[in-house]
N, C-alpha and C. Protein backbone atom coordinates (compact mmCIF):
# COMPACT_ATOMS: atom_id res chain seq x y z
N MET A 1 8.85 -22.85 -49.21
CA MET A 1 7.64 -22.14 -49.57
C MET A 1 7.91 -21.27 -50.80
N ALA A 2 7.05 -21.33 -51.79
CA ALA A 2 7.22 -20.59 -53.04
C ALA A 2 6.92 -19.11 -52.83
N ASP A 3 7.65 -18.27 -53.54
CA ASP A 3 7.41 -16.83 -53.53
C ASP A 3 6.18 -16.55 -54.39
N ARG A 4 5.13 -16.01 -53.79
CA ARG A 4 3.86 -15.79 -54.49
C ARG A 4 3.78 -14.42 -55.15
N SER A 5 4.78 -13.59 -54.97
CA SER A 5 4.78 -12.24 -55.53
C SER A 5 4.73 -12.29 -57.05
N ILE A 6 4.04 -11.35 -57.65
CA ILE A 6 4.00 -11.24 -59.11
C ILE A 6 5.40 -10.98 -59.67
N LEU A 7 6.30 -10.48 -58.84
CA LEU A 7 7.66 -10.19 -59.29
C LEU A 7 8.58 -11.41 -59.22
N SER A 8 8.07 -12.51 -58.67
CA SER A 8 8.93 -13.70 -58.53
C SER A 8 9.11 -14.41 -59.86
N ASP A 9 10.19 -15.18 -59.92
CA ASP A 9 10.44 -15.99 -61.12
C ASP A 9 9.31 -17.00 -61.35
N ASP A 10 8.71 -17.47 -60.29
CA ASP A 10 7.61 -18.45 -60.40
C ASP A 10 6.41 -17.88 -61.17
N ASN A 11 6.27 -16.57 -61.16
CA ASN A 11 5.12 -15.93 -61.81
C ASN A 11 5.49 -15.21 -63.11
N GLU A 12 6.62 -15.58 -63.71
CA GLU A 12 7.08 -14.88 -64.92
C GLU A 12 6.06 -14.96 -66.06
N THR A 13 5.47 -16.12 -66.28
CA THR A 13 4.51 -16.28 -67.38
C THR A 13 3.29 -15.41 -67.16
N LYS A 14 2.76 -15.42 -65.96
CA LYS A 14 1.59 -14.60 -65.63
C LYS A 14 1.94 -13.12 -65.72
N ARG A 15 3.13 -12.76 -65.25
CA ARG A 15 3.58 -11.37 -65.31
C ARG A 15 3.64 -10.89 -66.76
N ARG A 16 4.15 -11.72 -67.65
CA ARG A 16 4.22 -11.35 -69.07
C ARG A 16 2.82 -11.14 -69.65
N GLU A 17 1.88 -11.99 -69.27
CA GLU A 17 0.49 -11.83 -69.73
C GLU A 17 -0.08 -10.50 -69.24
N ILE A 18 0.19 -10.18 -67.99
CA ILE A 18 -0.31 -8.93 -67.42
C ILE A 18 0.35 -7.75 -68.11
N ILE A 19 1.64 -7.82 -68.37
CA ILE A 19 2.33 -6.75 -69.08
C ILE A 19 1.73 -6.55 -70.47
N GLU A 20 1.40 -7.64 -71.15
CA GLU A 20 0.75 -7.53 -72.47
C GLU A 20 -0.59 -6.80 -72.34
N GLY A 21 -1.36 -7.15 -71.33
CA GLY A 21 -2.64 -6.47 -71.11
C GLY A 21 -2.46 -5.01 -70.75
N LEU A 22 -1.46 -4.71 -69.95
CA LEU A 22 -1.17 -3.32 -69.60
C LEU A 22 -0.69 -2.53 -70.81
N THR A 23 0.10 -3.17 -71.66
CA THR A 23 0.60 -2.49 -72.86
C THR A 23 -0.56 -2.16 -73.79
N ARG A 24 -1.47 -3.10 -73.96
CA ARG A 24 -2.65 -2.82 -74.79
C ARG A 24 -3.45 -1.67 -74.18
N ALA A 25 -3.63 -1.68 -72.87
CA ALA A 25 -4.35 -0.60 -72.18
C ALA A 25 -3.64 0.74 -72.38
N TYR A 26 -2.33 0.73 -72.29
CA TYR A 26 -1.52 1.94 -72.50
C TYR A 26 -1.81 2.52 -73.88
N TRP A 27 -1.74 1.66 -74.91
CA TRP A 27 -1.98 2.15 -76.28
C TRP A 27 -3.41 2.61 -76.46
N MET A 28 -4.37 1.94 -75.85
CA MET A 28 -5.77 2.36 -75.94
C MET A 28 -5.92 3.77 -75.39
N GLU A 29 -5.29 4.04 -74.27
CA GLU A 29 -5.39 5.37 -73.66
C GLU A 29 -4.68 6.43 -74.51
N ILE A 30 -3.51 6.10 -75.03
CA ILE A 30 -2.78 7.06 -75.89
C ILE A 30 -3.61 7.39 -77.12
N GLU A 31 -4.18 6.37 -77.75
CA GLU A 31 -5.00 6.62 -78.94
C GLU A 31 -6.24 7.44 -78.59
N THR A 32 -6.83 7.15 -77.45
CA THR A 32 -8.01 7.91 -77.03
C THR A 32 -7.66 9.37 -76.81
N VAL A 33 -6.50 9.65 -76.24
CA VAL A 33 -6.07 11.04 -76.07
C VAL A 33 -6.00 11.73 -77.43
N MET A 34 -5.36 11.08 -78.40
CA MET A 34 -5.27 11.69 -79.74
C MET A 34 -6.65 11.92 -80.34
N SER A 35 -7.51 10.92 -80.23
CA SER A 35 -8.85 11.03 -80.79
C SER A 35 -9.67 12.11 -80.08
N TYR A 36 -9.54 12.20 -78.77
CA TYR A 36 -10.31 13.19 -78.01
C TYR A 36 -9.80 14.61 -78.26
N ILE A 37 -8.52 14.77 -78.55
CA ILE A 37 -8.02 16.11 -78.92
C ILE A 37 -8.71 16.56 -80.20
N ALA A 38 -8.74 15.69 -81.20
CA ALA A 38 -9.42 16.03 -82.46
C ALA A 38 -10.92 16.25 -82.21
N ALA A 39 -11.52 15.36 -81.44
CA ALA A 39 -12.96 15.43 -81.20
C ALA A 39 -13.36 16.64 -80.37
N SER A 40 -12.44 17.18 -79.59
CA SER A 40 -12.75 18.36 -78.78
C SER A 40 -12.38 19.65 -79.50
N THR A 41 -11.84 19.54 -80.69
CA THR A 41 -11.44 20.71 -81.47
C THR A 41 -12.32 20.90 -82.70
N ASN A 42 -12.66 19.83 -83.38
CA ASN A 42 -13.33 19.90 -84.67
C ASN A 42 -14.82 20.25 -84.67
N PRO A 43 -15.61 19.84 -83.70
CA PRO A 43 -17.06 20.06 -83.81
C PRO A 43 -17.45 21.54 -83.88
N ASP A 44 -18.51 21.78 -84.63
CA ASP A 44 -19.09 23.11 -84.76
C ASP A 44 -20.50 23.09 -84.18
N GLY A 45 -20.95 24.25 -83.79
CA GLY A 45 -22.32 24.40 -83.33
C GLY A 45 -22.42 24.69 -81.85
N VAL A 46 -23.49 25.38 -81.50
CA VAL A 46 -23.73 25.77 -80.12
C VAL A 46 -23.91 24.55 -79.22
N ARG A 47 -24.60 23.54 -79.72
CA ARG A 47 -24.86 22.35 -78.91
C ARG A 47 -23.59 21.54 -78.65
N ALA A 48 -22.55 21.80 -79.41
CA ALA A 48 -21.31 21.03 -79.28
C ALA A 48 -20.51 21.39 -78.04
N GLN A 49 -20.73 22.54 -77.47
CA GLN A 49 -19.86 23.04 -76.41
C GLN A 49 -19.79 22.14 -75.18
N GLU A 50 -20.90 21.60 -74.75
CA GLU A 50 -20.88 20.73 -73.56
C GLU A 50 -20.09 19.45 -73.83
N VAL A 51 -20.25 18.88 -75.01
CA VAL A 51 -19.50 17.68 -75.38
C VAL A 51 -18.01 18.01 -75.48
N ILE A 52 -17.68 19.13 -76.10
CA ILE A 52 -16.29 19.56 -76.24
C ILE A 52 -15.64 19.71 -74.87
N GLU A 53 -16.31 20.39 -73.96
CA GLU A 53 -15.75 20.62 -72.62
C GLU A 53 -15.55 19.31 -71.87
N SER A 54 -16.49 18.40 -72.02
CA SER A 54 -16.35 17.09 -71.36
C SER A 54 -15.14 16.34 -71.92
N LEU A 55 -14.98 16.36 -73.24
CA LEU A 55 -13.83 15.68 -73.86
C LEU A 55 -12.51 16.31 -73.41
N LYS A 56 -12.48 17.62 -73.30
CA LYS A 56 -11.25 18.30 -72.85
C LYS A 56 -10.86 17.85 -71.44
N ARG A 57 -11.86 17.69 -70.57
CA ARG A 57 -11.56 17.20 -69.21
C ARG A 57 -11.07 15.75 -69.26
N ASP A 58 -11.67 14.96 -70.15
CA ASP A 58 -11.31 13.55 -70.25
C ASP A 58 -9.89 13.36 -70.78
N ILE A 59 -9.40 14.28 -71.60
CA ILE A 59 -8.05 14.15 -72.17
C ILE A 59 -7.01 14.01 -71.06
N ALA A 60 -7.07 14.89 -70.09
CA ALA A 60 -6.09 14.85 -68.99
C ALA A 60 -6.21 13.56 -68.20
N GLU A 61 -7.45 13.12 -67.97
CA GLU A 61 -7.65 11.88 -67.21
C GLU A 61 -7.14 10.67 -67.98
N GLU A 62 -7.42 10.61 -69.27
CA GLU A 62 -6.96 9.48 -70.09
C GLU A 62 -5.44 9.46 -70.18
N LEU A 63 -4.82 10.63 -70.30
CA LEU A 63 -3.37 10.70 -70.31
C LEU A 63 -2.79 10.22 -68.98
N GLY A 64 -3.45 10.57 -67.89
CA GLY A 64 -3.03 10.08 -66.58
C GLY A 64 -3.13 8.56 -66.49
N HIS A 65 -4.17 8.00 -67.09
CA HIS A 65 -4.30 6.53 -67.11
C HIS A 65 -3.13 5.91 -67.88
N ALA A 66 -2.81 6.49 -69.03
CA ALA A 66 -1.68 5.97 -69.82
C ALA A 66 -0.40 6.00 -69.00
N GLN A 67 -0.19 7.08 -68.26
CA GLN A 67 1.01 7.19 -67.43
C GLN A 67 1.01 6.14 -66.32
N GLN A 68 -0.14 5.86 -65.73
CA GLN A 68 -0.23 4.82 -64.71
C GLN A 68 0.10 3.45 -65.30
N PHE A 69 -0.47 3.17 -66.47
CA PHE A 69 -0.18 1.89 -67.11
C PHE A 69 1.31 1.77 -67.43
N ALA A 70 1.90 2.85 -67.93
CA ALA A 70 3.33 2.82 -68.26
C ALA A 70 4.17 2.55 -67.02
N GLN A 71 3.86 3.22 -65.93
CA GLN A 71 4.62 3.03 -64.69
C GLN A 71 4.50 1.59 -64.20
N ARG A 72 3.31 1.03 -64.29
CA ARG A 72 3.13 -0.34 -63.81
C ARG A 72 3.85 -1.35 -64.70
N ILE A 73 3.86 -1.10 -66.01
CA ILE A 73 4.63 -1.96 -66.92
C ILE A 73 6.08 -2.00 -66.47
N LYS A 74 6.64 -0.85 -66.18
CA LYS A 74 8.03 -0.76 -65.75
C LYS A 74 8.25 -1.48 -64.42
N GLU A 75 7.32 -1.30 -63.47
CA GLU A 75 7.45 -1.95 -62.17
C GLU A 75 7.42 -3.47 -62.28
N LEU A 76 6.77 -3.98 -63.32
CA LEU A 76 6.68 -5.43 -63.52
C LEU A 76 7.82 -5.95 -64.40
N TYR A 77 8.88 -5.16 -64.53
CA TYR A 77 10.06 -5.52 -65.32
C TYR A 77 9.78 -5.53 -66.82
N GLY A 78 8.76 -4.81 -67.24
CA GLY A 78 8.49 -4.68 -68.67
C GLY A 78 9.13 -3.41 -69.21
N GLN A 79 8.93 -3.18 -70.48
CA GLN A 79 9.44 -1.97 -71.12
C GLN A 79 8.28 -1.28 -71.81
N VAL A 80 8.11 0.00 -71.52
CA VAL A 80 7.08 0.79 -72.17
C VAL A 80 7.49 1.00 -73.62
N PRO A 81 6.59 0.67 -74.56
CA PRO A 81 6.96 0.75 -75.98
C PRO A 81 7.06 2.19 -76.47
N GLY A 82 7.84 2.35 -77.53
CA GLY A 82 7.97 3.65 -78.18
C GLY A 82 6.92 3.82 -79.28
N SER A 83 6.87 5.00 -79.83
CA SER A 83 5.81 5.36 -80.77
C SER A 83 5.81 4.52 -82.05
N LEU A 84 6.94 3.96 -82.43
CA LEU A 84 6.98 3.16 -83.65
C LEU A 84 6.17 1.87 -83.52
N GLU A 85 5.85 1.49 -82.30
CA GLU A 85 5.04 0.29 -82.08
C GLU A 85 3.54 0.58 -82.07
N PHE A 86 3.17 1.84 -82.18
CA PHE A 86 1.76 2.22 -82.13
C PHE A 86 1.04 1.81 -83.41
N LYS A 87 -0.15 1.23 -83.24
CA LYS A 87 -1.02 0.87 -84.35
C LYS A 87 -2.42 1.37 -84.02
N ALA A 88 -2.90 2.31 -84.80
CA ALA A 88 -4.22 2.90 -84.57
C ALA A 88 -5.32 1.87 -84.80
N GLU A 89 -6.36 1.94 -83.97
CA GLU A 89 -7.49 1.02 -84.06
C GLU A 89 -8.84 1.74 -84.02
N GLN A 90 -8.87 2.99 -83.59
CA GLN A 90 -10.14 3.66 -83.34
C GLN A 90 -10.72 4.32 -84.60
N ASN A 91 -11.07 3.51 -85.57
CA ASN A 91 -11.65 4.06 -86.79
C ASN A 91 -12.99 4.72 -86.51
N TYR A 92 -13.67 4.34 -85.44
CA TYR A 92 -14.97 4.89 -85.07
C TYR A 92 -14.86 6.28 -84.45
N LEU A 93 -13.66 6.76 -84.18
CA LEU A 93 -13.48 8.10 -83.62
C LEU A 93 -12.77 9.05 -84.58
N GLN A 94 -12.73 8.71 -85.84
CA GLN A 94 -12.08 9.57 -86.82
C GLN A 94 -13.01 10.73 -87.18
N PRO A 95 -12.44 11.92 -87.37
CA PRO A 95 -13.28 13.07 -87.73
C PRO A 95 -14.00 12.81 -89.05
N GLY A 96 -15.27 13.13 -89.07
CA GLY A 96 -16.07 12.96 -90.28
C GLY A 96 -16.20 14.28 -91.03
N PRO A 97 -16.79 14.24 -92.20
CA PRO A 97 -16.92 15.45 -93.01
C PRO A 97 -17.90 16.47 -92.43
N ASP A 98 -18.88 16.01 -91.66
CA ASP A 98 -19.88 16.90 -91.07
C ASP A 98 -19.49 17.21 -89.63
N GLN A 99 -18.97 18.40 -89.42
CA GLN A 99 -18.47 18.74 -88.09
C GLN A 99 -19.58 19.15 -87.12
N THR A 100 -20.83 19.03 -87.58
CA THR A 100 -21.95 19.23 -86.66
C THR A 100 -22.60 17.90 -86.28
N ASP A 101 -22.02 16.78 -86.73
CA ASP A 101 -22.56 15.45 -86.43
C ASP A 101 -22.13 15.01 -85.04
N LEU A 102 -22.80 15.56 -84.05
CA LEU A 102 -22.46 15.24 -82.67
C LEU A 102 -22.89 13.83 -82.29
N THR A 103 -23.96 13.35 -82.88
CA THR A 103 -24.42 12.00 -82.57
C THR A 103 -23.36 10.97 -82.97
N GLY A 104 -22.77 11.12 -84.15
CA GLY A 104 -21.71 10.20 -84.59
C GLY A 104 -20.51 10.26 -83.68
N LEU A 105 -20.14 11.48 -83.27
CA LEU A 105 -19.01 11.66 -82.36
C LEU A 105 -19.30 10.98 -81.01
N ILE A 106 -20.47 11.21 -80.48
CA ILE A 106 -20.84 10.63 -79.18
C ILE A 106 -20.85 9.11 -79.27
N ARG A 107 -21.37 8.57 -80.35
CA ARG A 107 -21.37 7.11 -80.53
C ARG A 107 -19.93 6.57 -80.56
N GLY A 108 -19.03 7.30 -81.20
CA GLY A 108 -17.62 6.89 -81.23
C GLY A 108 -17.01 6.88 -79.84
N VAL A 109 -17.30 7.90 -79.05
CA VAL A 109 -16.79 7.96 -77.67
C VAL A 109 -17.35 6.78 -76.86
N ILE A 110 -18.62 6.50 -77.02
CA ILE A 110 -19.23 5.39 -76.31
C ILE A 110 -18.54 4.08 -76.69
N GLN A 111 -18.25 3.89 -77.97
CA GLN A 111 -17.58 2.67 -78.40
C GLN A 111 -16.18 2.57 -77.79
N ALA A 112 -15.46 3.69 -77.74
CA ALA A 112 -14.12 3.69 -77.14
C ALA A 112 -14.20 3.35 -75.65
N GLU A 113 -15.14 3.94 -74.96
CA GLU A 113 -15.27 3.70 -73.52
C GLU A 113 -15.70 2.27 -73.23
N ARG A 114 -16.60 1.73 -74.05
CA ARG A 114 -17.01 0.33 -73.87
C ARG A 114 -15.82 -0.61 -74.10
N GLY A 115 -15.01 -0.29 -75.10
CA GLY A 115 -13.82 -1.10 -75.35
C GLY A 115 -12.87 -1.09 -74.16
N ALA A 116 -12.70 0.09 -73.56
CA ALA A 116 -11.84 0.20 -72.38
C ALA A 116 -12.44 -0.59 -71.21
N VAL A 117 -13.73 -0.45 -70.98
CA VAL A 117 -14.39 -1.18 -69.89
C VAL A 117 -14.21 -2.68 -70.08
N ASP A 118 -14.42 -3.16 -71.28
CA ASP A 118 -14.27 -4.60 -71.55
C ASP A 118 -12.83 -5.06 -71.32
N HIS A 119 -11.86 -4.33 -71.86
CA HIS A 119 -10.47 -4.74 -71.71
C HIS A 119 -10.03 -4.68 -70.25
N TYR A 120 -10.40 -3.64 -69.54
CA TYR A 120 -9.97 -3.50 -68.16
C TYR A 120 -10.62 -4.55 -67.27
N THR A 121 -11.85 -4.93 -67.58
CA THR A 121 -12.50 -6.00 -66.83
C THR A 121 -11.74 -7.31 -67.01
N ARG A 122 -11.32 -7.61 -68.24
CA ARG A 122 -10.52 -8.82 -68.49
C ARG A 122 -9.18 -8.74 -67.77
N LEU A 123 -8.56 -7.57 -67.77
CA LEU A 123 -7.27 -7.40 -67.10
C LEU A 123 -7.40 -7.59 -65.59
N ILE A 124 -8.48 -7.10 -65.02
CA ILE A 124 -8.74 -7.30 -63.60
C ILE A 124 -8.85 -8.79 -63.28
N GLU A 125 -9.57 -9.51 -64.13
CA GLU A 125 -9.72 -10.95 -63.95
C GLU A 125 -8.38 -11.67 -64.09
N LEU A 126 -7.55 -11.23 -65.03
CA LEU A 126 -6.24 -11.83 -65.24
C LEU A 126 -5.35 -11.67 -64.00
N CYS A 127 -5.49 -10.55 -63.32
CA CYS A 127 -4.67 -10.25 -62.14
C CYS A 127 -5.15 -10.96 -60.88
N ASP A 128 -6.37 -11.45 -60.89
CA ASP A 128 -6.97 -11.98 -59.68
C ASP A 128 -6.13 -13.09 -59.06
N GLY A 129 -5.83 -12.91 -57.79
CA GLY A 129 -5.10 -13.92 -57.04
C GLY A 129 -3.60 -13.89 -57.20
N VAL A 130 -3.08 -13.03 -58.10
CA VAL A 130 -1.64 -13.04 -58.34
C VAL A 130 -1.01 -11.64 -58.34
N ASP A 131 -1.76 -10.61 -58.74
CA ASP A 131 -1.20 -9.26 -58.82
C ASP A 131 -2.25 -8.25 -58.34
N TYR A 132 -2.32 -8.12 -57.04
CA TYR A 132 -3.34 -7.26 -56.43
C TYR A 132 -3.06 -5.77 -56.67
N VAL A 133 -1.80 -5.40 -56.82
CA VAL A 133 -1.46 -4.00 -57.04
C VAL A 133 -2.00 -3.54 -58.40
N THR A 134 -1.71 -4.32 -59.45
CA THR A 134 -2.22 -3.97 -60.77
C THR A 134 -3.74 -4.05 -60.76
N GLN A 135 -4.28 -5.07 -60.14
CA GLN A 135 -5.72 -5.23 -60.09
C GLN A 135 -6.39 -4.01 -59.46
N ASP A 136 -5.85 -3.54 -58.34
CA ASP A 136 -6.42 -2.38 -57.66
C ASP A 136 -6.34 -1.14 -58.55
N MET A 137 -5.21 -0.94 -59.20
CA MET A 137 -5.03 0.22 -60.07
C MET A 137 -6.05 0.19 -61.21
N VAL A 138 -6.21 -0.98 -61.83
CA VAL A 138 -7.11 -1.09 -62.97
C VAL A 138 -8.56 -0.94 -62.52
N ILE A 139 -8.90 -1.40 -61.33
CA ILE A 139 -10.25 -1.20 -60.81
C ILE A 139 -10.56 0.29 -60.70
N GLN A 140 -9.60 1.05 -60.20
CA GLN A 140 -9.81 2.50 -60.08
C GLN A 140 -9.97 3.16 -61.45
N ILE A 141 -9.18 2.73 -62.42
CA ILE A 141 -9.28 3.28 -63.78
C ILE A 141 -10.60 2.85 -64.41
N LEU A 142 -11.02 1.61 -64.17
CA LEU A 142 -12.31 1.13 -64.68
C LEU A 142 -13.44 2.01 -64.18
N LYS A 143 -13.39 2.42 -62.93
CA LYS A 143 -14.41 3.31 -62.37
C LYS A 143 -14.50 4.59 -63.19
N ASP A 144 -13.34 5.18 -63.53
CA ASP A 144 -13.34 6.39 -64.34
C ASP A 144 -13.97 6.15 -65.71
N GLU A 145 -13.60 5.03 -66.34
CA GLU A 145 -14.10 4.73 -67.68
C GLU A 145 -15.61 4.49 -67.67
N GLU A 146 -16.10 3.82 -66.63
CA GLU A 146 -17.54 3.61 -66.52
C GLU A 146 -18.27 4.95 -66.35
N GLY A 147 -17.65 5.88 -65.64
CA GLY A 147 -18.23 7.22 -65.50
C GLY A 147 -18.29 7.95 -66.83
N HIS A 148 -17.21 7.85 -67.62
CA HIS A 148 -17.20 8.48 -68.95
C HIS A 148 -18.28 7.86 -69.83
N LEU A 149 -18.37 6.54 -69.79
CA LEU A 149 -19.37 5.82 -70.59
C LEU A 149 -20.77 6.31 -70.24
N ARG A 150 -21.06 6.36 -68.98
CA ARG A 150 -22.41 6.77 -68.53
C ARG A 150 -22.71 8.21 -68.95
N LEU A 151 -21.73 9.09 -68.83
CA LEU A 151 -21.92 10.49 -69.23
C LEU A 151 -22.26 10.59 -70.72
N PHE A 152 -21.52 9.87 -71.56
CA PHE A 152 -21.76 9.97 -72.99
C PHE A 152 -23.01 9.23 -73.41
N GLU A 153 -23.42 8.22 -72.68
CA GLU A 153 -24.73 7.61 -72.94
C GLU A 153 -25.83 8.64 -72.68
N GLY A 154 -25.64 9.46 -71.66
CA GLY A 154 -26.59 10.54 -71.37
C GLY A 154 -26.60 11.58 -72.49
N PHE A 155 -25.42 11.94 -72.99
CA PHE A 155 -25.35 12.87 -74.12
C PHE A 155 -26.10 12.31 -75.32
N LEU A 156 -25.93 11.01 -75.58
CA LEU A 156 -26.58 10.40 -76.73
C LEU A 156 -28.10 10.52 -76.62
N LYS A 157 -28.63 10.34 -75.43
CA LYS A 157 -30.08 10.49 -75.23
C LYS A 157 -30.55 11.90 -75.58
N GLU A 158 -29.73 12.89 -75.28
CA GLU A 158 -30.07 14.28 -75.59
C GLU A 158 -29.95 14.59 -77.08
N PHE A 159 -28.91 14.08 -77.71
CA PHE A 159 -28.61 14.47 -79.07
C PHE A 159 -29.26 13.60 -80.14
N GLU A 160 -29.62 12.38 -79.79
CA GLU A 160 -30.20 11.46 -80.76
C GLU A 160 -31.63 11.89 -81.07
N PRO A 161 -31.96 11.95 -82.35
CA PRO A 161 -33.34 12.33 -82.69
C PRO A 161 -34.32 11.31 -82.11
N ARG A 162 -35.37 11.81 -81.56
CA ARG A 162 -36.38 10.93 -80.97
C ARG A 162 -37.36 10.49 -82.06
N ALA A 163 -37.72 9.20 -82.00
CA ALA A 163 -38.64 8.66 -83.01
C ALA A 163 -40.08 8.91 -82.63
């Protein structure tokens, strides 16, 4: 009888695919932490405070996600990459010249959260039937990301000028 565990030699190819997906997720979370630190520091204006406070809470949660992804990479016999392997991708979350442009900031957060939701959904599908531990972990993280997405969609409704 074959060993069906994700840690078995029989599942090495699938394990490597999952590690690649986890590594991408790890970097997405690390980059989001950096972007959210800037985004929770730079905005000006009275209306910015609620968005700033929400981003500050999200920083700790996103960092926790990165740590979970890193731990799971290690458990699957992978190696968590060092900072020299980091490649920034979130051009939509870069600070703009107008630090009162909350709508642009909120749209950037929504794009980051949608990217996470999409990637984590694919990772969950990749794990199906072979790595239930990773799948369960990513499902829990997906729940958090969907909550962030919904919150910032609500902010956008408040901050976007009505036609």
